[in-house]
């Protein structure tokens, strides 16, 4: 591979890694926040539906995405 091609390759690889890292960090933060909200709501005796509404509202996500978090953490 010539030097110019290698430069483009290296730049693309670095950009891809940075974007992947940022996506992973954002997903991790959202999962952590969802877990905290769900655990707090459970300790306070909130129902599944009320907790789902709260998670969707606080994280600005759809109920379908909220259900994914609820499935992960409600019975954990």
N, C-alpha and C. Protein backbone atom coordinates (compact mmCIF):
# COMPACT_ATOMS: atom_id res chain seq x y z
N UNK A 1 0.86 -1.17 0.00
CA UNK A 1 0.00 0.00 0.00
C UNK A 1 0.90 1.23 0.00
N UNK A 2 0.57 2.21 -0.83
CA UNK A 2 1.39 3.42 -0.89
C UNK A 2 1.14 4.28 0.35
N UNK A 3 2.01 5.24 0.55
CA UNK A 3 1.92 6.09 1.74
C UNK A 3 0.60 6.86 1.80
N UNK A 4 0.14 7.35 0.64
CA UNK A 4 -1.11 8.10 0.62
C UNK A 4 -2.28 7.20 1.01
N UNK A 5 -2.35 6.01 0.43
CA UNK A 5 -3.41 5.07 0.77
C UNK A 5 -3.35 4.68 2.24
N UNK A 6 -2.15 4.46 2.74
CA UNK A 6 -1.99 4.09 4.15
C UNK A 6 -2.49 5.21 5.06
N UNK A 7 -2.23 6.46 4.66
CA UNK A 7 -2.70 7.61 5.44
C UNK A 7 -4.21 7.66 5.50
N UNK A 8 -4.87 7.44 4.34
CA UNK A 8 -6.33 7.41 4.33
C UNK A 8 -6.88 6.26 5.17
N UNK A 9 -6.24 5.12 5.06
CA UNK A 9 -6.66 3.94 5.83
C UNK A 9 -6.54 4.21 7.32
N UNK A 10 -5.39 4.74 7.73
CA UNK A 10 -5.17 5.01 9.15
C UNK A 10 -6.16 6.04 9.69
N UNK A 11 -6.43 7.08 8.88
CA UNK A 11 -7.38 8.11 9.30
C UNK A 11 -8.79 7.53 9.44
N UNK A 12 -9.19 6.71 8.48
CA UNK A 12 -10.51 6.08 8.55
C UNK A 12 -10.63 5.13 9.72
N UNK A 13 -9.58 4.38 9.98
CA UNK A 13 -9.60 3.45 11.11
C UNK A 13 -9.71 4.21 12.43
N UNK A 14 -8.97 5.29 12.58
CA UNK A 14 -9.03 6.09 13.81
C UNK A 14 -10.41 6.70 14.00
N UNK A 15 -11.00 7.20 12.91
CA UNK A 15 -12.33 7.79 12.99
C UNK A 15 -13.36 6.74 13.38
N UNK A 16 -13.26 5.56 12.78
CA UNK A 16 -14.19 4.48 13.11
C UNK A 16 -14.08 4.04 14.56
N UNK A 17 -12.87 3.95 15.05
CA UNK A 17 -12.69 3.57 16.46
C UNK A 17 -13.27 4.62 17.40
N UNK A 18 -13.04 5.89 17.08
CA UNK A 18 -13.56 6.98 17.92
C UNK A 18 -15.09 6.97 17.94
N UNK A 19 -15.70 6.77 16.76
CA UNK A 19 -17.16 6.73 16.70
C UNK A 19 -17.71 5.53 17.46
N UNK A 20 -17.06 4.39 17.32
CA UNK A 20 -17.50 3.19 18.03
C UNK A 20 -17.37 3.36 19.53
N UNK A 21 -16.29 3.97 19.97
CA UNK A 21 -16.07 4.20 21.40
C UNK A 21 -17.15 5.13 21.95
N UNK A 22 -17.46 6.20 21.20
CA UNK A 22 -18.48 7.16 21.64
C UNK A 22 -19.85 6.49 21.74
N UNK A 23 -20.19 5.66 20.75
CA UNK A 23 -21.47 4.95 20.79
C UNK A 23 -21.53 4.01 21.98
N UNK A 24 -20.45 3.31 22.24
CA UNK A 24 -20.41 2.38 23.37
C UNK A 24 -20.55 3.09 24.70
N UNK A 25 -19.88 4.22 24.83
CA UNK A 25 -19.97 4.99 26.07
C UNK A 25 -21.39 5.52 26.29
N UNK A 26 -22.01 6.01 25.23
CA UNK A 26 -23.38 6.52 25.34
C UNK A 26 -24.35 5.41 25.72
N UNK A 27 -24.17 4.25 25.11
CA UNK A 27 -25.04 3.12 25.44
C UNK A 27 -24.84 2.69 26.89
N UNK A 28 -23.59 2.67 27.33
CA UNK A 28 -23.30 2.29 28.71
C UNK A 28 -23.92 3.26 29.71
N UNK A 29 -23.84 4.56 29.40
CA UNK A 29 -24.45 5.56 30.29
C UNK A 29 -25.96 5.38 30.35
N UNK A 30 -26.58 5.16 29.19
CA UNK A 30 -28.04 4.98 29.16
C UNK A 30 -28.45 3.74 29.93
N UNK A 31 -27.71 2.65 29.77
CA UNK A 31 -28.04 1.42 30.50
C UNK A 31 -27.86 1.63 32.00
N UNK A 32 -26.82 2.32 32.39
CA UNK A 32 -26.60 2.59 33.81
C UNK A 32 -27.68 3.46 34.41
N UNK A 33 -28.08 4.48 33.66
CA UNK A 33 -29.14 5.35 34.14
C UNK A 33 -30.47 4.60 34.23
N UNK A 34 -30.75 3.77 33.23
CA UNK A 34 -31.98 2.97 33.25
C UNK A 34 -31.98 2.02 34.44
N UNK A 35 -30.86 1.37 34.68
CA UNK A 35 -30.77 0.44 35.80
C UNK A 35 -31.01 1.16 37.12
N UNK A 36 -30.43 2.33 37.28
CA UNK A 36 -30.64 3.11 38.51
C UNK A 36 -32.09 3.53 38.69
N UNK A 37 -32.71 4.00 37.61
CA UNK A 37 -34.12 4.40 37.69
C UNK A 37 -35.02 3.22 38.03
N UNK A 38 -34.77 2.10 37.39
CA UNK A 38 -35.60 0.91 37.62
C UNK A 38 -35.44 0.41 39.05
N UNK A 39 -34.21 0.33 39.53
CA UNK A 39 -33.99 -0.13 40.90
C UNK A 39 -34.61 0.80 41.93
N UNK A 40 -34.48 2.10 41.71
CA UNK A 40 -35.07 3.07 42.64
C UNK A 40 -36.60 2.95 42.65
N UNK A 41 -37.19 2.82 41.47
CA UNK A 41 -38.65 2.71 41.38
C UNK A 41 -39.14 1.43 42.06
N UNK A 42 -38.40 0.34 41.87
CA UNK A 42 -38.78 -0.93 42.52
C UNK A 42 -38.73 -0.80 44.03
N UNK A 43 -37.68 -0.14 44.54
CA UNK A 43 -37.56 0.02 45.99
C UNK A 43 -38.69 0.87 46.55
N UNK A 44 -39.21 1.79 45.75
CA UNK A 44 -40.31 2.63 46.19
C UNK A 44 -41.68 1.99 45.94
N UNK A 45 -41.68 0.81 45.34
CA UNK A 45 -42.93 0.08 45.13
C UNK A 45 -43.70 0.47 43.90
N UNK A 46 -43.05 1.12 42.94
CA UNK A 46 -43.75 1.52 41.71
C UNK A 46 -44.08 0.29 40.87
N UNK A 47 -45.15 0.37 40.12
CA UNK A 47 -45.55 -0.74 39.25
C UNK A 47 -44.65 -0.78 38.02
N UNK A 48 -44.72 -1.91 37.33
CA UNK A 48 -43.95 -2.09 36.10
C UNK A 48 -44.30 -1.00 35.09
N UNK A 49 -45.60 -0.76 34.90
CA UNK A 49 -46.04 0.22 33.90
C UNK A 49 -45.60 1.64 34.25
N UNK A 50 -45.74 2.01 35.52
CA UNK A 50 -45.31 3.35 35.93
C UNK A 50 -43.80 3.51 35.75
N UNK A 51 -43.07 2.45 36.09
CA UNK A 51 -41.62 2.49 35.93
C UNK A 51 -41.24 2.58 34.47
N UNK A 52 -41.92 1.84 33.61
CA UNK A 52 -41.67 1.91 32.18
C UNK A 52 -41.91 3.32 31.66
N UNK A 53 -43.01 3.92 32.07
CA UNK A 53 -43.31 5.30 31.66
C UNK A 53 -42.21 6.25 32.11
N UNK A 54 -41.73 6.08 33.33
CA UNK A 54 -40.69 6.95 33.87
C UNK A 54 -39.38 6.78 33.10
N UNK A 55 -39.00 5.53 32.83
CA UNK A 55 -37.75 5.27 32.11
C UNK A 55 -37.82 5.89 30.71
N UNK A 56 -38.93 5.67 30.02
CA UNK A 56 -39.07 6.23 28.68
C UNK A 56 -39.03 7.75 28.70
N UNK A 57 -39.68 8.35 29.69
CA UNK A 57 -39.71 9.81 29.80
C UNK A 57 -38.34 10.38 30.16
N UNK A 58 -37.70 9.82 31.16
CA UNK A 58 -36.42 10.37 31.64
C UNK A 58 -35.29 10.17 30.64
N UNK A 59 -35.31 9.07 29.90
CA UNK A 59 -34.24 8.79 28.94
C UNK A 59 -34.58 9.27 27.53
N UNK A 60 -35.80 9.81 27.36
CA UNK A 60 -36.26 10.30 26.06
C UNK A 60 -36.16 9.21 25.00
N UNK A 61 -36.74 8.05 25.33
CA UNK A 61 -36.74 6.91 24.43
C UNK A 61 -38.17 6.41 24.27
N UNK A 62 -38.39 5.55 23.29
CA UNK A 62 -39.72 4.99 23.08
C UNK A 62 -40.02 3.93 24.15
N UNK A 63 -41.30 3.59 24.27
CA UNK A 63 -41.68 2.54 25.21
C UNK A 63 -41.07 1.19 24.80
N UNK A 64 -40.92 0.98 23.50
CA UNK A 64 -40.31 -0.27 23.03
C UNK A 64 -38.87 -0.39 23.52
N UNK A 65 -38.12 0.71 23.41
CA UNK A 65 -36.75 0.70 23.91
C UNK A 65 -36.72 0.61 25.44
N UNK A 66 -37.68 1.27 26.08
CA UNK A 66 -37.78 1.19 27.53
C UNK A 66 -38.05 -0.22 28.00
N UNK A 67 -38.84 -0.97 27.24
CA UNK A 67 -39.13 -2.36 27.59
C UNK A 67 -37.88 -3.21 27.56
N UNK A 68 -36.96 -2.90 26.66
CA UNK A 68 -35.69 -3.64 26.60
C UNK A 68 -34.93 -3.49 27.92
N UNK A 69 -34.89 -2.26 28.42
CA UNK A 69 -34.22 -2.03 29.71
C UNK A 69 -34.98 -2.69 30.85
N UNK A 70 -36.30 -2.60 30.78
CA UNK A 70 -37.12 -3.22 31.84
C UNK A 70 -36.89 -4.73 31.87
N UNK A 71 -36.81 -5.35 30.69
CA UNK A 71 -36.56 -6.79 30.62
C UNK A 71 -35.20 -7.13 31.21
N UNK A 72 -34.23 -6.25 31.02
CA UNK A 72 -32.88 -6.52 31.55
C UNK A 72 -32.83 -6.38 33.07
N UNK A 73 -33.52 -5.37 33.62
CA UNK A 73 -33.29 -5.02 35.02
C UNK A 73 -34.47 -5.20 35.98
N UNK A 74 -35.68 -5.39 35.49
CA UNK A 74 -36.83 -5.46 36.39
C UNK A 74 -36.75 -6.66 37.32
N UNK A 75 -36.40 -7.81 36.82
CA UNK A 75 -36.33 -9.02 37.65
C UNK A 75 -34.91 -9.40 38.02
N UNK A 76 -33.98 -8.51 37.80
CA UNK A 76 -32.56 -8.82 38.09
C UNK A 76 -32.26 -8.71 39.56
